[in-house]
Amino acid sequence: MTWTSLYPMMWQRSSTSEGVPAGHPYFSMGAVDTSKLSEKVLKIIKNRDNTLYLSSASVWEIVIKHSLDKLERTKKIKDLGEFIRECIARMKVTPLPITIPHVLEISKLPHIHKDPFDRVLVAQARIHGLEILTKDPNIPRYGVETIW
């Protein structure tokens, strides 16, 4: 099954990343719809030497949208938590919890846009020196590196 609703992940460049900057691949619930991703992003995801991180903020957003019945593709899933855990294991991502330092970093961010989940991701990227793979034009305005 291929899912097209993608949620950001963070990663660190490995020694074998071949010049591709560190970034923020996307967690898709089950599989990656490669037609939606750039070649750079695909290269990052496919390189198993890279460490991929999934923010708790992304999981939180999935759960909220699922509970509000806004994710068409999760409507048939009986146990969303188990499904997400299986996807995390299959994609071999490392969970990145939201911590107090992350929350405090949010207070330093300018008010560029109102998406609280994006603001958490930006704070985490700033603290951990991660880049974000995204097409969102607002994210680089926070002073974090992006790639797409």
N, C-alpha and C. Protein backbone atom coordinates (compact mmCIF):
# COMPACT_ATOMS: atom_id res chain seq x y z
N MET A 1 0.84 -1.17 0.00
CA MET A 1 0.00 0.00 0.00
C MET A 1 0.89 1.24 0.00
N THR A 2 0.57 2.22 -0.81
CA THR A 2 1.33 3.46 -0.88
C THR A 2 0.48 4.58 -0.32
N TRP A 3 1.09 5.36 0.55
CA TRP A 3 0.40 6.49 1.17
C TRP A 3 0.98 7.77 0.62
N THR A 4 0.12 8.71 0.31
CA THR A 4 0.61 9.97 -0.24
C THR A 4 0.64 11.09 0.79
N SER A 5 0.03 10.88 1.95
CA SER A 5 0.12 11.92 2.97
C SER A 5 1.41 11.71 3.74
N LEU A 6 2.31 12.66 3.62
CA LEU A 6 3.65 12.51 4.15
C LEU A 6 3.85 13.43 5.35
N TYR A 7 4.59 12.95 6.31
CA TYR A 7 4.88 13.72 7.51
C TYR A 7 6.38 13.80 7.68
N PRO A 8 6.89 14.97 8.04
CA PRO A 8 8.33 15.17 8.08
C PRO A 8 9.07 14.28 9.07
N MET A 9 10.29 13.94 8.68
CA MET A 9 11.26 13.29 9.55
C MET A 9 12.53 14.11 9.47
N MET A 10 13.39 13.92 10.43
CA MET A 10 14.68 14.59 10.41
C MET A 10 15.75 13.53 10.25
N TRP A 11 16.91 13.95 9.78
CA TRP A 11 17.99 13.00 9.63
C TRP A 11 19.32 13.70 9.74
N GLN A 12 20.36 12.89 9.94
CA GLN A 12 21.71 13.41 9.96
C GLN A 12 22.47 12.79 8.81
N ARG A 13 23.32 13.57 8.22
CA ARG A 13 24.12 13.11 7.09
C ARG A 13 25.09 12.03 7.57
N SER A 14 25.20 10.97 6.79
CA SER A 14 26.18 9.93 7.08
C SER A 14 27.44 10.25 6.30
N SER A 15 28.47 9.48 6.54
CA SER A 15 29.71 9.68 5.80
C SER A 15 29.57 9.25 4.34
N THR A 16 28.48 8.56 4.02
CA THR A 16 28.27 8.10 2.64
C THR A 16 27.13 8.85 1.96
N SER A 17 26.79 10.03 2.43
CA SER A 17 25.68 10.78 1.83
C SER A 17 26.03 11.43 0.50
N GLU A 18 27.28 11.33 0.07
CA GLU A 18 27.72 11.80 -1.24
C GLU A 18 27.32 13.24 -1.52
N GLY A 19 27.56 14.11 -0.57
CA GLY A 19 27.33 15.52 -0.79
C GLY A 19 25.90 15.98 -0.66
N VAL A 20 24.98 15.08 -0.39
CA VAL A 20 23.60 15.49 -0.19
C VAL A 20 23.49 16.06 1.21
N PRO A 21 23.03 17.29 1.37
CA PRO A 21 22.95 17.88 2.70
C PRO A 21 22.02 17.10 3.62
N ALA A 22 22.29 17.20 4.91
CA ALA A 22 21.41 16.56 5.88
C ALA A 22 20.03 17.19 5.77
N GLY A 23 19.01 16.45 6.10
CA GLY A 23 17.69 17.01 5.90
C GLY A 23 16.58 16.32 6.65
N HIS A 24 15.43 16.35 6.11
CA HIS A 24 14.20 16.00 6.80
C HIS A 24 13.30 15.17 5.88
N PRO A 25 13.62 13.87 5.70
CA PRO A 25 12.77 13.06 4.84
C PRO A 25 11.37 12.93 5.41
N TYR A 26 10.52 12.35 4.65
CA TYR A 26 9.12 12.26 5.04
C TYR A 26 8.75 10.88 5.52
N PHE A 27 8.02 10.84 6.60
CA PHE A 27 7.46 9.61 7.12
C PHE A 27 6.11 9.45 6.47
N SER A 28 5.92 8.37 5.79
CA SER A 28 4.60 8.10 5.24
C SER A 28 4.10 6.85 5.92
N MET A 29 2.86 6.82 6.19
CA MET A 29 2.32 5.72 6.97
C MET A 29 2.26 4.48 6.11
N GLY A 30 3.35 3.77 6.05
CA GLY A 30 3.39 2.52 5.33
C GLY A 30 4.47 2.49 4.28
N ALA A 31 4.42 3.40 3.35
CA ALA A 31 5.38 3.39 2.26
C ALA A 31 5.52 4.80 1.74
N VAL A 32 6.57 5.00 0.97
CA VAL A 32 6.79 6.31 0.39
C VAL A 32 6.30 6.31 -1.04
N ASP A 33 5.47 7.28 -1.38
CA ASP A 33 5.04 7.47 -2.75
C ASP A 33 6.17 8.23 -3.43
N THR A 34 7.04 7.50 -4.10
CA THR A 34 8.24 8.10 -4.64
C THR A 34 7.96 9.15 -5.71
N SER A 35 6.79 9.12 -6.31
CA SER A 35 6.47 10.12 -7.32
C SER A 35 6.32 11.51 -6.71
N LYS A 36 6.11 11.59 -5.41
CA LYS A 36 5.92 12.87 -4.73
C LYS A 36 7.23 13.46 -4.19
N LEU A 37 8.32 12.69 -4.25
CA LEU A 37 9.57 13.11 -3.63
C LEU A 37 10.61 13.48 -4.68
N SER A 38 11.48 14.41 -4.32
CA SER A 38 12.57 14.78 -5.22
C SER A 38 13.62 13.68 -5.22
N GLU A 39 14.49 13.71 -6.22
CA GLU A 39 15.56 12.71 -6.28
C GLU A 39 16.50 12.84 -5.09
N LYS A 40 16.76 14.07 -4.64
CA LYS A 40 17.63 14.24 -3.47
C LYS A 40 17.02 13.59 -2.24
N VAL A 41 15.73 13.78 -2.05
CA VAL A 41 15.05 13.19 -0.89
C VAL A 41 15.09 11.67 -0.99
N LEU A 42 14.82 11.14 -2.16
CA LEU A 42 14.86 9.69 -2.34
C LEU A 42 16.24 9.12 -2.02
N LYS A 43 17.27 9.83 -2.45
CA LYS A 43 18.64 9.38 -2.20
C LYS A 43 18.91 9.33 -0.69
N ILE A 44 18.43 10.31 0.02
CA ILE A 44 18.60 10.36 1.47
C ILE A 44 17.89 9.20 2.13
N ILE A 45 16.65 8.97 1.75
CA ILE A 45 15.85 7.91 2.37
C ILE A 45 16.43 6.53 2.07
N LYS A 46 16.89 6.34 0.85
CA LYS A 46 17.40 5.02 0.45
C LYS A 46 18.75 4.69 1.05
N ASN A 47 19.53 5.69 1.44
CA ASN A 47 20.85 5.45 2.02
C ASN A 47 20.68 4.99 3.46
N ARG A 48 20.83 3.71 3.70
CA ARG A 48 20.62 3.13 5.03
C ARG A 48 21.69 3.55 6.04
N ASP A 49 22.75 4.23 5.57
CA ASP A 49 23.75 4.76 6.50
C ASP A 49 23.27 6.04 7.18
N ASN A 50 22.23 6.65 6.63
CA ASN A 50 21.67 7.86 7.24
C ASN A 50 20.84 7.50 8.45
N THR A 51 20.86 8.35 9.44
CA THR A 51 20.01 8.19 10.61
C THR A 51 18.77 9.05 10.40
N LEU A 52 17.62 8.41 10.37
CA LEU A 52 16.35 9.12 10.16
C LEU A 52 15.66 9.31 11.50
N TYR A 53 15.07 10.48 11.71
CA TYR A 53 14.36 10.79 12.95
C TYR A 53 12.92 11.15 12.62
N LEU A 54 12.02 10.69 13.45
CA LEU A 54 10.61 11.06 13.33
C LEU A 54 10.22 11.80 14.60
N SER A 55 9.83 13.05 14.45
CA SER A 55 9.43 13.86 15.59
C SER A 55 8.10 13.38 16.15
N SER A 56 8.00 13.44 17.46
CA SER A 56 6.71 13.17 18.11
C SER A 56 5.65 14.13 17.59
N ALA A 57 6.07 15.31 17.16
CA ALA A 57 5.11 16.29 16.62
C ALA A 57 4.42 15.75 15.37
N SER A 58 5.16 15.03 14.53
CA SER A 58 4.56 14.47 13.32
C SER A 58 3.55 13.38 13.66
N VAL A 59 3.90 12.53 14.63
CA VAL A 59 2.97 11.48 15.06
C VAL A 59 1.74 12.12 15.69
N TRP A 60 1.95 13.14 16.50
CA TRP A 60 0.86 13.86 17.15
C TRP A 60 -0.11 14.41 16.10
N GLU A 61 0.45 15.02 15.05
CA GLU A 61 -0.38 15.59 13.99
C GLU A 61 -1.19 14.50 13.28
N ILE A 62 -0.56 13.37 13.02
CA ILE A 62 -1.28 12.25 12.39
C ILE A 62 -2.44 11.80 13.26
N VAL A 63 -2.18 11.64 14.56
CA VAL A 63 -3.22 11.18 15.49
C VAL A 63 -4.39 12.17 15.55
N ILE A 64 -4.07 13.45 15.62
CA ILE A 64 -5.13 14.47 15.67
C ILE A 64 -5.96 14.44 14.40
N LYS A 65 -5.29 14.44 13.25
CA LYS A 65 -6.03 14.43 11.98
C LYS A 65 -6.86 13.17 11.84
N HIS A 66 -6.32 12.04 12.30
CA HIS A 66 -7.06 10.78 12.26
C HIS A 66 -8.31 10.87 13.14
N SER A 67 -8.14 11.41 14.36
CA SER A 67 -9.28 11.49 15.29
C SER A 67 -10.36 12.45 14.79
N LEU A 68 -9.98 13.42 13.98
CA LEU A 68 -10.94 14.36 13.39
C LEU A 68 -11.47 13.86 12.05
N ASP A 69 -11.07 12.66 11.68
CA ASP A 69 -11.52 12.02 10.44
C ASP A 69 -11.06 12.81 9.21
N LYS A 70 -9.87 13.41 9.28
CA LYS A 70 -9.35 14.21 8.17
C LYS A 70 -8.35 13.45 7.31
N LEU A 71 -8.03 12.22 7.69
CA LEU A 71 -7.11 11.42 6.90
C LEU A 71 -7.87 10.26 6.29
N GLU A 72 -8.23 10.43 5.04
CA GLU A 72 -9.03 9.42 4.35
C GLU A 72 -8.39 8.04 4.43
N ARG A 73 -7.08 7.98 4.29
CA ARG A 73 -6.40 6.69 4.21
C ARG A 73 -6.24 5.99 5.55
N THR A 74 -6.53 6.65 6.65
CA THR A 74 -6.44 5.97 7.95
C THR A 74 -7.79 5.53 8.48
N LYS A 75 -8.85 5.84 7.77
CA LYS A 75 -10.20 5.55 8.28
C LYS A 75 -10.43 4.06 8.53
N LYS A 76 -9.80 3.20 7.76
CA LYS A 76 -10.01 1.76 7.90
C LYS A 76 -9.05 1.11 8.89
N ILE A 77 -8.14 1.86 9.44
CA ILE A 77 -7.17 1.31 10.38
C ILE A 77 -7.81 1.21 11.76
N LYS A 78 -7.82 0.00 12.30
CA LYS A 78 -8.47 -0.22 13.60
C LYS A 78 -7.60 0.26 14.76
N ASP A 79 -6.30 0.00 14.70
CA ASP A 79 -5.40 0.38 15.78
C ASP A 79 -4.30 1.27 15.20
N LEU A 80 -4.55 2.58 15.18
CA LEU A 80 -3.62 3.52 14.57
C LEU A 80 -2.26 3.46 15.25
N GLY A 81 -2.24 3.35 16.58
CA GLY A 81 -0.97 3.30 17.30
C GLY A 81 -0.11 2.14 16.87
N GLU A 82 -0.70 0.98 16.78
CA GLU A 82 0.05 -0.21 16.35
C GLU A 82 0.52 -0.04 14.91
N PHE A 83 -0.34 0.50 14.08
CA PHE A 83 0.02 0.72 12.69
C PHE A 83 1.22 1.66 12.57
N ILE A 84 1.21 2.76 13.32
CA ILE A 84 2.33 3.72 13.28
C ILE A 84 3.60 3.07 13.81
N ARG A 85 3.49 2.29 14.89
CA ARG A 85 4.68 1.60 15.42
C ARG A 85 5.28 0.66 14.37
N GLU A 86 4.43 -0.05 13.65
CA GLU A 86 4.91 -0.95 12.60
C GLU A 86 5.60 -0.17 11.48
N CYS A 87 5.04 0.97 11.11
CA CYS A 87 5.65 1.80 10.07
C CYS A 87 7.01 2.33 10.50
N ILE A 88 7.11 2.75 11.75
CA ILE A 88 8.38 3.24 12.29
C ILE A 88 9.43 2.14 12.22
N ALA A 89 9.05 0.94 12.62
CA ALA A 89 9.99 -0.18 12.58
C ALA A 89 10.38 -0.52 11.14
N ARG A 90 9.41 -0.54 10.25
CA ARG A 90 9.67 -0.89 8.85
C ARG A 90 10.58 0.13 8.19
N MET A 91 10.36 1.41 8.50
CA MET A 91 11.17 2.47 7.88
C MET A 91 12.48 2.71 8.63
N LYS A 92 12.65 2.03 9.78
CA LYS A 92 13.87 2.14 10.57
C LYS A 92 14.19 3.58 10.96
N VAL A 93 13.19 4.27 11.50
CA VAL A 93 13.40 5.64 11.95
C VAL A 93 13.54 5.67 13.47
N THR A 94 14.23 6.68 13.95
CA THR A 94 14.43 6.88 15.37
C THR A 94 13.45 7.95 15.85
N PRO A 95 12.61 7.62 16.83
CA PRO A 95 11.69 8.63 17.36
C PRO A 95 12.46 9.80 18.00
N LEU A 96 12.00 11.00 17.76
CA LEU A 96 12.59 12.20 18.35
C LEU A 96 11.52 12.84 19.23
N PRO A 97 11.62 12.62 20.55
CA PRO A 97 10.60 13.15 21.45
C PRO A 97 10.66 14.68 21.55
N ILE A 98 9.56 15.26 21.94
CA ILE A 98 9.51 16.70 22.21
C ILE A 98 9.95 16.89 23.65
N THR A 99 10.96 17.73 23.87
CA THR A 99 11.49 17.96 25.21
C THR A 99 11.28 19.42 25.62
N ILE A 100 11.52 19.70 26.87
CA ILE A 100 11.40 21.09 27.36
C ILE A 100 12.32 22.03 26.58
N PRO A 101 13.59 21.67 26.32
CA PRO A 101 14.40 22.57 25.51
C PRO A 101 13.80 22.86 24.13
N HIS A 102 13.15 21.87 23.53
CA HIS A 102 12.49 22.12 22.24
C HIS A 102 11.38 23.16 22.40
N VAL A 103 10.58 23.00 23.43
CA VAL A 103 9.46 23.92 23.67
C VAL A 103 9.99 25.33 23.94
N LEU A 104 11.05 25.43 24.73
CA LEU A 104 11.62 26.74 25.02
C LEU A 104 12.20 27.39 23.76
N GLU A 105 12.75 26.58 22.87
CA GLU A 105 13.29 27.10 21.61
C GLU A 105 12.18 27.71 20.76
N ILE A 106 10.98 27.16 20.85
CA ILE A 106 9.84 27.71 20.09
C ILE A 106 9.60 29.17 20.48
N SER A 107 9.83 29.50 21.74
CA SER A 107 9.60 30.88 22.19
C SER A 107 10.55 31.87 21.52
N LYS A 108 11.64 31.38 20.95
CA LYS A 108 12.61 32.25 20.27
C LYS A 108 12.30 32.43 18.78
N LEU A 109 11.32 31.68 18.29
CA LEU A 109 11.02 31.72 16.86
C LEU A 109 10.15 32.92 16.51
N PRO A 110 10.42 33.55 15.36
CA PRO A 110 9.52 34.61 14.90
C PRO A 110 8.17 34.00 14.52
N HIS A 111 7.15 34.81 14.46
CA HIS A 111 5.81 34.33 14.11
C HIS A 111 5.61 34.43 12.60
N ILE A 112 6.21 33.48 11.90
CA ILE A 112 6.15 33.47 10.44
C ILE A 112 4.86 32.83 9.96
N HIS A 113 4.51 31.73 10.55
CA HIS A 113 3.22 31.12 10.25
C HIS A 113 2.72 30.40 11.50
N LYS A 114 1.48 29.95 11.47
CA LYS A 114 0.82 29.52 12.70
C LYS A 114 0.84 28.02 12.95
N ASP A 115 1.41 27.23 12.07
CA ASP A 115 1.37 25.78 12.24
C ASP A 115 2.23 25.36 13.42
N PRO A 116 1.61 24.95 14.53
CA PRO A 116 2.39 24.62 15.73
C PRO A 116 3.28 23.40 15.53
N PHE A 117 2.89 22.48 14.68
CA PHE A 117 3.71 21.29 14.45
C PHE A 117 4.98 21.66 13.68
N ASP A 118 4.86 22.52 12.68
CA ASP A 118 6.04 22.99 11.96
C ASP A 118 6.98 23.73 12.90
N ARG A 119 6.44 24.50 13.81
CA ARG A 119 7.27 25.25 14.75
C ARG A 119 8.06 24.31 15.67
N VAL A 120 7.44 23.21 16.07
CA VAL A 120 8.16 22.21 16.87
C VAL A 120 9.30 21.61 16.04
N LEU A 121 9.01 21.26 14.80
CA LEU A 121 10.04 20.68 13.94
C LEU A 121 11.21 21.64 13.73
N VAL A 122 10.90 22.92 13.54
CA VAL A 122 11.95 23.93 13.38
C VAL A 122 12.79 24.00 14.65
N ALA A 123 12.15 24.03 15.81
CA ALA A 123 12.89 24.09 17.08
C ALA A 123 13.79 22.87 17.23
N GLN A 124 13.28 21.69 16.92
CA GLN A 124 14.09 20.48 17.02
C GLN A 124 15.26 20.52 16.05
N ALA A 125 15.02 20.99 14.83
CA ALA A 125 16.09 21.08 13.85
C ALA A 125 17.17 22.05 14.31
N ARG A 126 16.77 23.16 14.90
CA ARG A 126 17.75 24.14 15.38
C ARG A 126 18.59 23.57 16.52
N ILE A 127 17.95 22.92 17.45
CA ILE A 127 18.67 22.38 18.61
C ILE A 127 19.63 21.26 18.22
N HIS A 128 19.20 20.39 17.32
CA HIS A 128 19.99 19.20 16.99
C HIS A 128 20.83 19.37 15.72
N GLY A 129 20.78 20.55 15.12
CA GLY A 129 21.58 20.79 13.92
C GLY A 129 21.12 19.97 12.73
N LEU A 130 19.83 19.74 12.63
CA LEU A 130 19.27 18.96 11.53
C LEU A 130 18.70 19.89 10.47
N GLU A 131 18.65 19.40 9.26
CA GLU A 131 17.99 20.13 8.18
C GLU A 131 16.63 19.51 7.95
N ILE A 132 15.78 20.24 7.28
CA ILE A 132 14.42 19.78 7.04
C ILE A 132 14.21 19.65 5.53
N LEU A 133 13.77 18.47 5.12
CA LEU A 133 13.42 18.27 3.72
C LEU A 133 11.96 18.64 3.55
N THR A 134 11.73 19.72 2.87
CA THR A 134 10.37 20.21 2.71
C THR A 134 10.30 21.18 1.55
N LYS A 135 9.12 21.27 0.96
CA LYS A 135 8.86 22.28 -0.07
C LYS A 135 8.26 23.54 0.55
N ASP A 136 7.90 23.48 1.82
CA ASP A 136 7.23 24.60 2.48
C ASP A 136 8.13 25.84 2.46
N PRO A 137 7.72 26.91 1.79
CA PRO A 137 8.55 28.10 1.69
C PRO A 137 8.72 28.85 3.01
N ASN A 138 7.88 28.56 4.00
CA ASN A 138 8.00 29.24 5.28
C ASN A 138 9.14 28.71 6.14
N ILE A 139 9.47 27.45 6.02
CA ILE A 139 10.45 26.83 6.92
C ILE A 139 11.82 27.49 6.84
N PRO A 140 12.39 27.76 5.66
CA PRO A 140 13.71 28.40 5.64
C PRO A 140 13.71 29.80 6.25
N ARG A 141 12.55 30.42 6.31
CA ARG A 141 12.47 31.76 6.88
C ARG A 141 12.75 31.75 8.38
N TYR A 142 12.74 30.57 8.99
CA TYR A 142 13.09 30.42 10.41
C TYR A 142 14.59 30.29 10.63
N GLY A 143 15.35 30.28 9.57
CA GLY A 143 16.79 30.17 9.72
C GLY A 143 17.30 28.74 9.81
N VAL A 144 16.50 27.78 9.38
CA VAL A 144 16.97 26.39 9.32
C VAL A 144 17.16 26.01 7.86
N GLU A 145 18.07 25.08 7.65
CA GLU A 145 18.35 24.61 6.30
C GLU A 145 17.26 23.66 5.85
N THR A 146 16.91 23.76 4.58
CA THR A 146 15.94 22.84 3.99
C THR A 146 16.51 22.30 2.70
N ILE A 147 15.94 21.20 2.27
CA ILE A 147 16.31 20.63 0.98
C ILE A 147 15.07 19.98 0.39
N TRP A 148 14.97 20.04 -0.91
CA TRP A 148 13.89 19.32 -1.59
C TRP A 148 14.36 18.87 -2.94
